[in-house]
Amino acid sequence: MSGQVLDIDQLLTIMTKQNASDLHLKPARPPLLRINGKLLPLKTDPLSIDDMQRVVDKVLQKESQRKKLEEHLACDVGYGVPGVARFRGNIYSQRGHLAAVFRRVPFETMSLEDLDLPSVIKEFCKINMGLVLVTGPTGSGKSTTLAAIIKWITANRPVHIITIEDPVEFLFRDGMASISQREVGTDTFAFGEALRNAMRQDPDVIMVGEMRDSETIHTVITAAETGHLVFSTLHTNSATQTIDRILDSFSADQQSQIRAQLAQVLSAVISIKLLRKPDGKGRIAALEIMRNSPKIAKMIEKGNTSELHEELEASVGYYRMQSMNQSILSLLVRNAITYTEAMEKSPDPEDLSLKMRRMFPNIEEQHRQGGTEVPAADFAEIQELLQFRKLYEEQEVKAQERMAEKEEHAQYLEQMIADRDEQIRRLEARVEEMRQEGEKMRGDFGRLQEEMNQKMMQARERIKELNQRLTGGGGAAPGDRKSGIFR
């Protein structure tokens, strides 16, 4: 391409074919593409000041945009190349000359499943009111994640969604939901004004592209207070930093009220960081997730933001929160990133190393030698696996104890059965003895009865004989019968 003059559409087409996320343009330097997190120059001649002016003239097609660039020396712009992609650009001045950066926005919005995000994020799409913030540094995937959330709501909930963006990035189509996309500078003059007007447009879900100032932050919080589900982004690296950044946007006398409001309306903070995959082809997101549990709300209200990190790490099981280090650990143990990348991108490498040694004693050695095979999509799943293993070990011990108890009980029952059999044997012997005794007694009784009958007959004969003697022989006169002793 050396010596060839390329216009902006050609550069953006090359950028898309190279699967780059950003295109950097400035005078005296060839165009730079950010591919998998690294800036790489195109093999072309350096851009001239005239080249940059042609880029600006083609991209800034509205007089309002040119005026904003003149007044503020920077201007956001949305730009599309038919059949290629949409782009979010920023034209700005550096060292007295114009420069530009373009971010590629695919025509097709990725889904939550495509992004391989923790399943708890889908729960945030289902709530009816509250504030959900997606945070992270530039280029971390905040807009892509937020677009995936809006895409899911559009496909699954019968609601009215209003987006307020500068500029409009992803284009959404109506699904089950009706969606209205408003661009600052084209459809509205400012975020704050668009938010105030949105209250009269019967919204259910409001998406604000970025909370840039205290006015926008206050309006977003108020919108969430009035019963709407509000999504927005912020350039912070963690949940704790997000709360501090919001509070620092207000004066000291306002912070107490903002803390109370935020503790009531905040539903979740999702902080994103992109890490390179082991093969160098693409990146994957690590996410810190904080939900507004009763303890979290109390800490925010009292201003104890330094305690938030410890609480979200302790709330993995029930609330499915997780810290950035816990998420990085979950990526590491399933070989989604390398050990070196994990340690480089960790906000606290010493803490990450301690977590690895505590949970998986040999994981550091295994990764240095080529990896381990513990599967998990997010840290909550790893926590569940560890809990299952602990439960299994506890159940195994309990099962062994129950088996020992059952064996002891079986021996006891066997002894009882033996004792019962012995008792039955003795009873049977006693019954036999009693039967024999009964037969003997019946025989003796028969003999006694026979003897008694014989004696009774003998007694009758003897009485008869005595009567005859007393009556004087065999006959007597009728009148003398009463004189016998038995008469």
Protein backbone atom coordinates (compact mmCIF):
# COMPACT_ATOMS: atom_id res chain seq x y z
CA MET A 1 0.00 0.00 0.00
CA SER A 2 3.05 2.26 0.06
CA GLY A 3 2.43 5.47 -1.86
CA GLN A 4 -1.30 4.81 -2.12
CA VAL A 5 -3.71 7.47 -0.85
CA LEU A 6 -6.59 5.89 1.05
CA ASP A 7 -9.80 7.63 1.99
CA ILE A 8 -11.60 7.05 5.28
CA ASP A 9 -14.04 4.47 3.89
CA GLN A 10 -11.17 2.35 2.59
CA LEU A 11 -9.34 2.60 5.93
CA LEU A 12 -12.46 1.60 7.85
CA THR A 13 -13.03 -1.32 5.47
CA ILE A 14 -9.45 -2.53 6.03
CA MET A 15 -9.96 -2.09 9.76
CA THR A 16 -13.06 -4.31 9.65
CA LYS A 17 -11.37 -7.00 7.54
CA GLN A 18 -8.44 -7.07 9.99
CA ASN A 19 -10.95 -7.45 12.86
CA ALA A 20 -9.46 -4.41 14.57
CA SER A 21 -11.36 -2.65 17.31
CA ASP A 22 -9.98 0.87 16.73
CA LEU A 23 -8.39 2.98 14.00
CA HIS A 24 -6.02 5.83 14.97
CA LEU A 25 -5.28 8.63 12.52
CA LYS A 26 -2.93 11.58 12.93
CA PRO A 27 -0.52 13.50 10.72
CA ALA A 28 3.05 12.26 10.16
CA ARG A 29 2.16 8.70 11.13
CA PRO A 30 0.68 5.78 9.17
CA PRO A 31 -2.80 4.70 10.29
CA LEU A 32 -2.72 2.47 13.38
CA LEU A 33 -5.03 -0.49 14.01
CA ARG A 34 -5.70 -1.87 17.48
CA ILE A 35 -5.84 -5.65 17.05
CA ASN A 36 -6.29 -7.81 20.16
CA GLY A 37 -5.25 -4.89 22.33
CA LYS A 38 -2.08 -3.96 20.40
CA LEU A 39 -1.57 -0.94 18.14
CA LEU A 40 -0.10 -1.99 14.79
CA PRO A 41 0.72 0.37 11.89
CA LEU A 42 -0.56 -0.16 8.36
CA LYS A 43 2.11 -0.43 5.67
CA THR A 44 1.23 2.89 4.05
CA ASP A 45 2.78 6.32 3.82
CA PRO A 46 2.32 8.61 6.82
CA LEU A 47 -0.81 10.72 6.75
CA SER A 48 -0.49 14.39 5.89
CA ILE A 49 -2.37 17.36 7.32
CA ASP A 50 -4.41 17.46 4.10
CA ASP A 51 -5.26 13.77 4.47
CA MET A 52 -6.66 14.45 7.94
CA GLN A 53 -8.65 17.42 6.67
CA ARG A 54 -10.25 15.23 3.98
CA VAL A 55 -11.17 12.69 6.69
CA VAL A 56 -12.79 15.39 8.79
CA ASP A 57 -14.64 16.93 5.86
CA LYS A 58 -16.13 13.56 4.91
CA VAL A 59 -17.03 12.44 8.43
CA LEU A 60 -18.40 15.72 9.83
CA GLN A 61 -21.31 16.16 7.46
CA LYS A 62 -23.37 18.44 9.72
CA GLU A 63 -22.67 22.08 10.37
CA SER A 64 -23.46 21.57 14.08
CA GLN A 65 -20.65 19.01 14.30
CA ARG A 66 -18.12 21.32 12.64
CA LYS A 67 -19.16 24.12 14.96
CA LYS A 68 -18.74 21.88 18.00
CA LEU A 69 -15.26 20.91 16.83
CA GLU A 70 -14.33 24.57 16.45
CA GLU A 71 -15.71 25.51 19.86
CA HIS A 72 -14.55 22.51 21.92
CA LEU A 73 -11.60 21.25 19.80
CA ALA A 74 -13.16 17.76 19.96
CA CYS A 75 -16.30 16.19 18.58
CA ASP A 76 -17.99 12.79 18.81
CA VAL A 77 -19.51 11.45 15.64
CA GLY A 78 -21.28 8.34 14.38
CA TYR A 79 -20.29 7.15 10.92
CA GLY A 80 -21.27 4.18 8.80
CA VAL A 81 -19.84 2.45 5.75
CA PRO A 82 -22.64 0.63 3.89
CA GLY A 83 -22.20 -3.12 3.96
CA VAL A 84 -19.19 -2.88 6.29
CA ALA A 85 -20.00 -1.60 9.79
CA ARG A 86 -20.87 1.42 11.88
CA PHE A 87 -18.19 3.40 13.66
CA ARG A 88 -18.02 5.71 16.63
CA GLY A 89 -15.48 8.41 16.03
CA ASN A 90 -13.87 11.26 17.91
CA ILE A 91 -12.21 14.10 16.02
CA TYR A 92 -9.84 16.12 18.19
CA SER A 93 -6.94 18.53 18.08
CA GLN A 94 -3.42 17.52 19.07
CA ARG A 95 -0.35 19.75 18.79
CA GLY A 96 -2.43 22.16 16.73
CA HIS A 97 -3.48 19.59 14.11
CA LEU A 98 -6.53 17.37 13.70
CA ALA A 99 -6.45 13.68 14.68
CA ALA A 100 -9.15 11.03 14.92
CA VAL A 101 -9.94 7.70 16.50
CA PHE A 102 -12.68 5.39 15.23
CA ARG A 103 -14.20 2.48 17.17
CA ARG A 104 -15.83 -0.29 15.14
CA VAL A 105 -19.45 -1.05 16.01
CA PRO A 106 -20.69 -4.26 14.31
CA PHE A 107 -24.03 -4.16 12.53
CA GLU A 108 -25.10 -7.30 14.35
CA THR A 109 -25.27 -6.89 18.12
CA MET A 110 -23.77 -9.78 20.06
CA SER A 111 -25.92 -11.61 22.60
CA LEU A 112 -25.15 -12.28 26.26
CA GLU A 113 -24.43 -15.89 25.31
CA ASP A 114 -22.06 -14.83 22.50
CA LEU A 115 -20.08 -12.77 25.00
CA ASP A 116 -19.84 -15.72 27.43
CA LEU A 117 -20.91 -13.54 30.35
CA PRO A 118 -21.97 -14.89 33.78
CA SER A 119 -25.63 -15.89 33.87
CA VAL A 120 -26.37 -13.48 36.74
CA ILE A 121 -26.26 -10.58 34.26
CA LYS A 122 -29.46 -11.87 32.68
CA GLU A 123 -31.16 -11.34 36.05
CA PHE A 124 -30.40 -7.62 35.76
CA CYS A 125 -32.37 -7.57 32.49
CA LYS A 126 -35.47 -8.83 34.28
CA ILE A 127 -35.80 -6.32 37.12
CA ASN A 128 -38.48 -3.63 36.85
CA MET A 129 -36.71 -0.66 38.40
CA GLY A 130 -33.31 0.41 39.59
CA LEU A 131 -29.92 1.49 38.28
CA VAL A 132 -27.44 -0.88 36.61
CA LEU A 133 -23.99 0.51 35.78
CA VAL A 134 -21.50 -1.03 33.34
CA THR A 135 -18.00 0.30 34.00
CA GLY A 136 -14.45 -0.16 32.79
CA PRO A 137 -11.62 1.60 30.98
CA THR A 138 -11.84 2.72 27.36
CA GLY A 139 -12.12 -0.23 25.00
CA SER A 140 -13.12 -2.73 27.68
CA GLY A 141 -16.44 -3.66 26.08
CA LYS A 142 -18.86 -1.51 28.10
CA SER A 143 -20.94 -0.51 25.07
CA THR A 144 -20.92 -4.05 23.68
CA THR A 145 -22.10 -5.48 27.01
CA LEU A 146 -24.77 -2.81 27.37
CA ALA A 147 -25.94 -3.47 23.80
CA ALA A 148 -26.24 -7.20 24.56
CA ILE A 149 -28.38 -6.38 27.61
CA ILE A 150 -30.66 -4.09 25.58
CA LYS A 151 -30.89 -6.74 22.85
CA TRP A 152 -32.08 -9.34 25.38
CA ILE A 153 -34.69 -6.97 26.84
CA THR A 154 -35.89 -6.03 23.34
CA ALA A 155 -36.41 -9.69 22.47
CA ASN A 156 -37.97 -10.81 25.74
CA ARG A 157 -39.91 -8.01 27.47
CA PRO A 158 -42.98 -6.03 26.26
CA VAL A 159 -41.63 -2.61 27.31
CA HIS A 160 -40.71 0.78 25.89
CA ILE A 161 -36.93 1.37 25.77
CA ILE A 162 -35.41 4.81 25.26
CA THR A 163 -31.68 5.14 24.58
CA ILE A 164 -29.81 8.45 24.83
CA GLU A 165 -26.39 8.25 23.15
CA ASP A 166 -23.60 10.47 21.87
CA PRO A 167 -23.37 9.22 19.19
CA VAL A 168 -25.74 6.32 18.49
CA GLU A 169 -23.58 3.21 18.19
CA PHE A 170 -25.53 -0.05 17.91
CA LEU A 171 -28.75 0.02 15.93
CA PHE A 172 -31.62 -1.94 17.51
CA ARG A 173 -34.77 -3.27 15.88
CA ASP A 174 -38.11 -3.51 17.66
CA GLY A 175 -38.89 -6.95 18.98
CA MET A 176 -41.22 -7.71 21.82
CA ALA A 177 -40.17 -4.27 23.06
CA SER A 178 -40.48 -0.93 21.30
CA ILE A 179 -37.21 1.00 21.23
CA SER A 180 -36.51 4.70 20.58
CA GLN A 181 -32.88 5.74 20.00
CA ARG A 182 -32.02 9.41 20.49
CA GLU A 183 -28.68 10.92 19.53
CA VAL A 184 -27.29 13.96 21.33
CA GLY A 185 -26.78 16.73 18.78
CA THR A 186 -29.27 15.26 16.33
CA ASP A 187 -32.39 14.27 18.28
CA THR A 188 -31.68 16.21 21.48
CA PHE A 189 -29.30 18.93 22.61
CA ALA A 190 -27.97 17.35 25.83
CA PHE A 191 -28.12 14.23 28.00
CA GLY A 192 -29.83 16.03 30.87
CA GLU A 193 -32.51 17.53 28.66
CA ALA A 194 -33.12 14.19 26.91
CA LEU A 195 -33.47 12.44 30.28
CA ARG A 196 -35.95 15.00 31.57
CA ASN A 197 -37.98 14.69 28.37
CA ALA A 198 -37.83 10.88 28.59
CA MET A 199 -39.91 11.04 31.77
CA ARG A 200 -42.82 12.24 29.61
CA GLN A 201 -42.34 9.58 26.93
CA ASP A 202 -43.73 6.63 28.93
CA PRO A 203 -40.46 4.67 29.19
CA ASP A 204 -39.97 1.41 31.07
CA VAL A 205 -36.24 1.10 30.39
CA ILE A 206 -33.81 3.98 29.83
CA MET A 207 -30.26 3.55 28.55
CA VAL A 208 -27.89 6.49 28.90
CA GLY A 209 -24.70 6.04 26.89
CA GLU A 210 -22.43 7.58 29.53
CA MET A 211 -22.76 9.46 32.82
CA ARG A 212 -20.39 12.34 32.07
CA ASP A 213 -21.20 14.99 34.69
CA SER A 214 -23.01 15.53 37.98
CA GLU A 215 -26.15 16.79 36.22
CA THR A 216 -26.46 13.60 34.15
CA ILE A 217 -25.65 11.41 37.18
CA HIS A 218 -28.28 13.17 39.31
CA THR A 219 -30.90 12.88 36.55
CA VAL A 220 -30.10 9.17 36.05
CA ILE A 221 -30.49 8.49 39.79
CA THR A 222 -33.76 10.45 39.83
CA ALA A 223 -35.05 8.44 36.84
CA ALA A 224 -34.28 5.19 38.68
CA GLU A 225 -36.02 6.58 41.80
CA THR A 226 -39.22 7.23 39.82
CA GLY A 227 -39.66 3.54 39.02
CA HIS A 228 -37.69 3.04 35.80
CA LEU A 229 -34.96 0.55 34.96
CA VAL A 230 -31.94 2.63 33.97
CA PHE A 231 -28.67 1.43 32.41
CA SER A 232 -25.57 3.54 31.94
CA THR A 233 -21.77 3.41 31.73
CA LEU A 234 -18.92 5.00 33.66
CA HIS A 235 -15.14 5.02 33.16
CA THR A 236 -14.11 3.32 36.40
CA ASN A 237 -12.22 0.10 37.13
CA SER A 238 -14.13 -1.39 40.06
CA ALA A 239 -17.40 -1.24 41.96
CA THR A 240 -15.78 0.62 44.86
CA GLN A 241 -14.24 3.17 42.50
CA THR A 242 -17.63 3.58 40.79
CA ILE A 243 -19.38 4.55 44.02
CA ASP A 244 -16.55 6.92 44.96
CA ARG A 245 -16.58 8.53 41.48
CA ILE A 246 -20.33 9.17 41.67
CA LEU A 247 -20.07 10.69 45.15
CA ASP A 248 -17.03 12.80 44.20
CA SER A 249 -19.08 14.36 41.38
CA PHE A 250 -21.12 16.23 43.99
CA SER A 251 -20.24 18.82 46.58
CA ALA A 252 -19.71 17.76 50.20
CA ASP A 253 -23.11 19.07 51.32
CA GLN A 254 -24.87 16.97 48.63
CA GLN A 255 -23.06 13.70 49.21
CA SER A 256 -25.18 12.54 52.14
CA GLN A 257 -28.35 12.81 50.05
CA ILE A 258 -26.71 11.14 47.03
CA ARG A 259 -25.48 8.26 49.21
CA ALA A 260 -29.02 7.70 50.50
CA GLN A 261 -30.47 7.83 46.98
CA LEU A 262 -27.78 5.58 45.54
CA ALA A 263 -28.19 3.01 48.33
CA GLN A 264 -31.88 2.83 47.48
CA VAL A 265 -31.82 2.71 43.66
CA LEU A 266 -28.53 1.01 42.74
CA SER A 267 -29.19 -2.55 41.57
CA ALA A 268 -25.80 -3.64 40.27
CA VAL A 269 -22.36 -2.54 39.10
CA ILE A 270 -20.61 -4.58 36.39
CA SER A 271 -16.92 -3.71 35.96
CA ILE A 272 -15.21 -5.15 32.87
CA LYS A 273 -11.60 -5.78 31.93
CA LEU A 274 -10.46 -7.50 28.70
CA LEU A 275 -7.66 -10.08 28.79
CA ARG A 276 -5.85 -11.74 25.89
CA LYS A 277 -6.62 -15.36 25.11
CA PRO A 278 -3.75 -17.89 25.20
CA ASP A 279 -3.57 -18.16 21.39
CA GLY A 280 -3.40 -14.38 21.01
CA LYS A 281 -6.52 -14.42 18.80
CA GLY A 282 -9.08 -12.30 20.55
CA ARG A 283 -9.79 -11.26 24.10
CA ILE A 284 -12.14 -12.37 26.85
CA ALA A 285 -13.83 -10.36 29.58
CA ALA A 286 -13.19 -10.61 33.31
CA LEU A 287 -16.02 -9.07 35.30
CA GLU A 288 -16.39 -7.71 38.80
CA ILE A 289 -20.05 -7.90 39.81
CA MET A 290 -21.58 -6.10 42.78
CA ARG A 291 -25.28 -6.36 43.64
CA ASN A 292 -27.13 -4.13 46.04
CA SER A 293 -27.64 -6.54 48.92
CA PRO A 294 -28.85 -5.16 52.28
CA LYS A 295 -25.24 -5.06 53.56
CA ILE A 296 -23.99 -3.32 50.40
CA ALA A 297 -26.79 -0.74 50.60
CA LYS A 298 -25.95 -0.03 54.25
CA MET A 299 -22.26 0.43 53.43
CA ILE A 300 -23.08 2.85 50.59
CA GLU A 301 -25.49 4.84 52.75
CA LYS A 302 -22.95 5.17 55.58
CA GLY A 303 -20.08 5.90 53.20
CA ASN A 304 -18.11 2.77 54.12
CA THR A 305 -17.04 2.12 50.53
CA SER A 306 -13.72 0.59 51.63
CA GLU A 307 -15.68 -2.41 52.95
CA LEU A 308 -17.49 -3.11 49.67
CA HIS A 309 -14.72 -5.26 48.16
CA GLU A 310 -14.60 -7.69 51.08
CA GLU A 311 -18.39 -8.00 51.15
CA LEU A 312 -18.78 -8.75 47.44
CA GLU A 313 -16.04 -11.42 47.64
CA ALA A 314 -17.93 -13.01 50.53
CA SER A 315 -21.27 -12.96 48.65
CA VAL A 316 -20.45 -15.30 45.78
CA GLY A 317 -22.70 -18.17 46.82
CA TYR A 318 -26.07 -16.48 47.40
CA TYR A 319 -25.90 -13.19 45.47
CA ARG A 320 -23.39 -14.43 42.83
CA MET A 321 -21.19 -11.37 43.28
CA GLN A 322 -17.50 -11.64 42.46
CA SER A 323 -14.37 -9.51 42.55
CA MET A 324 -12.12 -8.90 39.56
CA ASN A 325 -9.51 -11.29 40.98
CA GLN A 326 -12.12 -14.00 41.49
CA SER A 327 -13.24 -13.60 37.87
CA ILE A 328 -9.64 -13.69 36.62
CA LEU A 329 -9.10 -16.84 38.67
CA SER A 330 -12.16 -18.45 37.09
CA LEU A 331 -10.77 -17.67 33.61
CA LEU A 332 -7.36 -18.99 34.56
CA VAL A 333 -8.52 -22.35 35.89
CA ARG A 334 -10.41 -23.10 32.67
CA ASN A 335 -7.39 -22.13 30.50
CA ALA A 336 -9.20 -19.12 28.99
CA ILE A 337 -6.13 -16.97 29.78
CA THR A 338 -2.50 -17.61 30.61
CA TYR A 339 -0.95 -17.37 34.05
CA THR A 340 1.23 -14.47 32.87
CA GLU A 341 -1.77 -12.54 31.50
CA ALA A 342 -3.69 -13.13 34.74
CA MET A 343 -0.88 -11.75 36.88
CA GLU A 344 -0.32 -8.77 34.56
CA LYS A 345 -3.98 -7.71 34.44
CA SER A 346 -4.87 -8.47 38.06
CA PRO A 347 -5.58 -5.36 40.15
CA ASP A 348 -3.85 -7.14 43.06
CA PRO A 349 -1.45 -9.91 41.88
CA GLU A 350 -0.44 -10.90 45.42
CA ASP A 351 -4.08 -11.45 46.39
CA LEU A 352 -4.66 -13.44 43.19
CA SER A 353 -1.64 -15.65 43.91
CA LEU A 354 -2.86 -16.21 47.47
CA LYS A 355 -6.33 -17.18 46.22
CA MET A 356 -4.82 -19.65 43.75
CA ARG A 357 -2.63 -21.32 46.36
CA ARG A 358 -5.47 -21.50 48.87
CA MET A 359 -8.08 -22.96 46.53
CA PHE A 360 -5.90 -24.94 44.13
CA PRO A 361 -2.52 -25.61 45.81
CA ASN A 362 -0.78 -26.76 42.61
CA ILE A 363 -2.40 -24.41 40.10
CA GLU A 364 0.56 -22.05 39.69
CA GLU A 365 2.93 -24.95 39.00
CA GLN A 366 0.41 -26.54 36.63
CA HIS A 367 -0.05 -23.34 34.65
CA ARG A 368 3.66 -22.78 34.41
CA GLN A 369 3.87 -26.30 32.97
CA GLY A 370 0.91 -25.99 30.64
CA GLY A 371 -2.37 -25.61 32.47
CA THR A 372 -5.08 -27.35 34.43
CA GLU A 373 -8.51 -28.64 33.53
CA VAL A 374 -10.91 -27.17 36.07
CA PRO A 375 -13.97 -25.97 34.09
CA ALA A 376 -15.96 -22.84 35.06
CA ALA A 377 -17.66 -19.93 33.30
CA ASP A 378 -17.56 -17.57 36.25
CA PHE A 379 -16.26 -17.60 39.78
CA ALA A 380 -19.63 -18.56 41.24
CA GLU A 381 -19.42 -21.86 39.35
CA ILE A 382 -15.96 -22.51 40.76
CA GLN A 383 -17.30 -21.70 44.21
CA GLU A 384 -20.11 -24.18 43.62
CA LEU A 385 -17.64 -26.85 42.52
CA LEU A 386 -15.58 -26.28 45.65
CA GLN A 387 -18.71 -26.39 47.77
CA PHE A 388 -19.80 -29.60 46.04
CA ARG A 389 -16.39 -31.12 46.70
CA LYS A 390 -16.56 -30.05 50.35
CA LEU A 391 -20.11 -31.39 50.63
CA TYR A 392 -19.04 -34.63 48.99
CA GLU A 393 -16.19 -35.06 51.45
CA GLU A 394 -18.50 -34.25 54.36
CA GLN A 395 -21.12 -36.66 53.03
CA GLU A 396 -18.47 -39.33 52.57
CA VAL A 397 -17.41 -38.97 56.22
CA LYS A 398 -21.02 -39.00 57.33
CA ALA A 399 -21.71 -42.06 55.17
CA GLN A 400 -18.79 -43.88 56.73
CA GLU A 401 -20.07 -42.95 60.18
CA ARG A 402 -23.55 -44.14 59.25
CA MET A 403 -22.13 -47.39 57.88
CA ALA A 404 -20.25 -47.98 61.13
CA GLU A 405 -23.42 -47.24 63.08
CA LYS A 406 -25.41 -49.59 60.86
CA GLU A 407 -22.83 -52.36 61.24
CA GLU A 408 -22.91 -51.91 65.02
CA HIS A 409 -26.70 -51.92 64.94
CA ALA A 410 -26.68 -55.03 62.72
CA GLN A 411 -24.43 -56.81 65.23
CA TYR A 412 -26.80 -55.76 68.00
CA LEU A 413 -29.78 -57.07 66.04
CA GLU A 414 -27.96 -60.34 65.28
CA GLN A 415 -27.27 -60.76 69.00
CA MET A 416 -30.90 -60.01 69.80
CA ILE A 417 -32.02 -62.59 67.24
CA ALA A 418 -29.61 -65.15 68.73
CA ASP A 419 -30.94 -64.38 72.22
CA ARG A 420 -34.48 -64.65 70.95
CA ASP A 421 -33.76 -67.99 69.27
CA GLU A 422 -32.26 -69.25 72.53
CA GLN A 423 -35.33 -68.06 74.42
CA ILE A 424 -37.60 -69.78 71.89
CA ARG A 425 -35.58 -72.98 72.18
CA ARG A 426 -35.91 -72.88 75.95
CA LEU A 427 -39.62 -72.10 75.73
CA GLU A 428 -40.14 -74.98 73.32
CA ALA A 429 -38.29 -77.30 75.69
CA ARG A 430 -40.39 -76.03 78.59
CA VAL A 431 -43.58 -76.46 76.58
CA GLU A 432 -42.54 -80.04 75.77
CA GLU A 433 -41.88 -80.70 79.45
CA MET A 434 -45.24 -79.21 80.37
CA ARG A 435 -46.96 -81.27 77.66
CA GLN A 436 -45.38 -84.43 79.00
CA GLU A 437 -46.30 -83.44 82.54
CA GLY A 438 -49.87 -82.78 81.37
CA GLU A 439 -50.11 -86.21 79.73
CA LYS A 440 -48.74 -87.82 82.90
CA MET A 441 -51.23 -85.89 85.02
CA ARG A 442 -54.07 -86.97 82.72
CA GLY A 443 -52.94 -90.59 83.07
CA ASP A 444 -52.69 -90.32 86.84
CA PHE A 445 -56.10 -88.65 86.95
CA GLY A 446 -57.62 -91.52 84.95
CA ARG A 447 -56.14 -94.10 87.26
CA LEU A 448 -57.30 -92.20 90.33
CA GLN A 449 -60.79 -91.87 88.87
CA GLU A 450 -60.88 -95.60 88.14
CA GLU A 451 -59.71 -96.40 91.65
CA MET A 452 -62.29 -94.00 93.07
CA ASN A 453 -65.08 -95.61 91.05
CA GLN A 454 -64.05 -99.06 92.26
CA LYS A 455 -63.94 -97.86 95.84
CA MET A 456 -67.37 -96.23 95.42
CA MET A 457 -68.79 -99.48 94.12
CA GLN A 458 -67.21 -101.37 96.98
CA ALA A 459 -68.64 -98.81 99.41
CA ARG A 460 -72.11 -99.21 97.96
CA GLU A 461 -71.85 -102.97 98.21
CA ARG A 462 -70.71 -102.69 101.80
CA ILE A 463 -73.58 -100.34 102.68
CA LYS A 464 -76.02 -102.62 101.05
CA GLU A 465 -74.63 -105.52 103.02
CA LEU A 466 -74.85 -103.59 106.30
CA ASN A 467 -78.45 -102.59 105.62
CA GLN A 468 -79.41 -106.15 105.07
CA ARG A 469 -77.84 -107.19 108.35
CA LEU A 470 -79.64 -104.51 110.28
CA THR A 471 -82.99 -105.39 108.83
CA GLY A 472 -82.58 -109.04 109.81
CA GLY A 473 -82.19 -110.85 106.67
CA GLY A 474 -83.54 -110.84 103.32
CA GLY A 475 -87.33 -109.93 104.09
CA ALA A 476 -89.31 -107.86 106.62
CA ALA A 477 -92.85 -106.82 107.21
CA PRO A 478 -93.96 -103.66 105.48
CA GLY A 479 -94.53 -101.85 108.71
CA ASP A 480 -91.01 -102.48 109.96
CA ARG A 481 -89.19 -100.77 107.12
CA LYS A 482 -88.90 -97.46 108.94
CA SER A 483 -86.93 -98.99 111.75
CA GLY A 484 -83.68 -99.45 109.70
CA ILE A 485 -80.86 -97.02 110.49
CA PHE A 486 -80.72 -95.87 106.84
CA ARG A 487 -84.45 -95.27 106.69
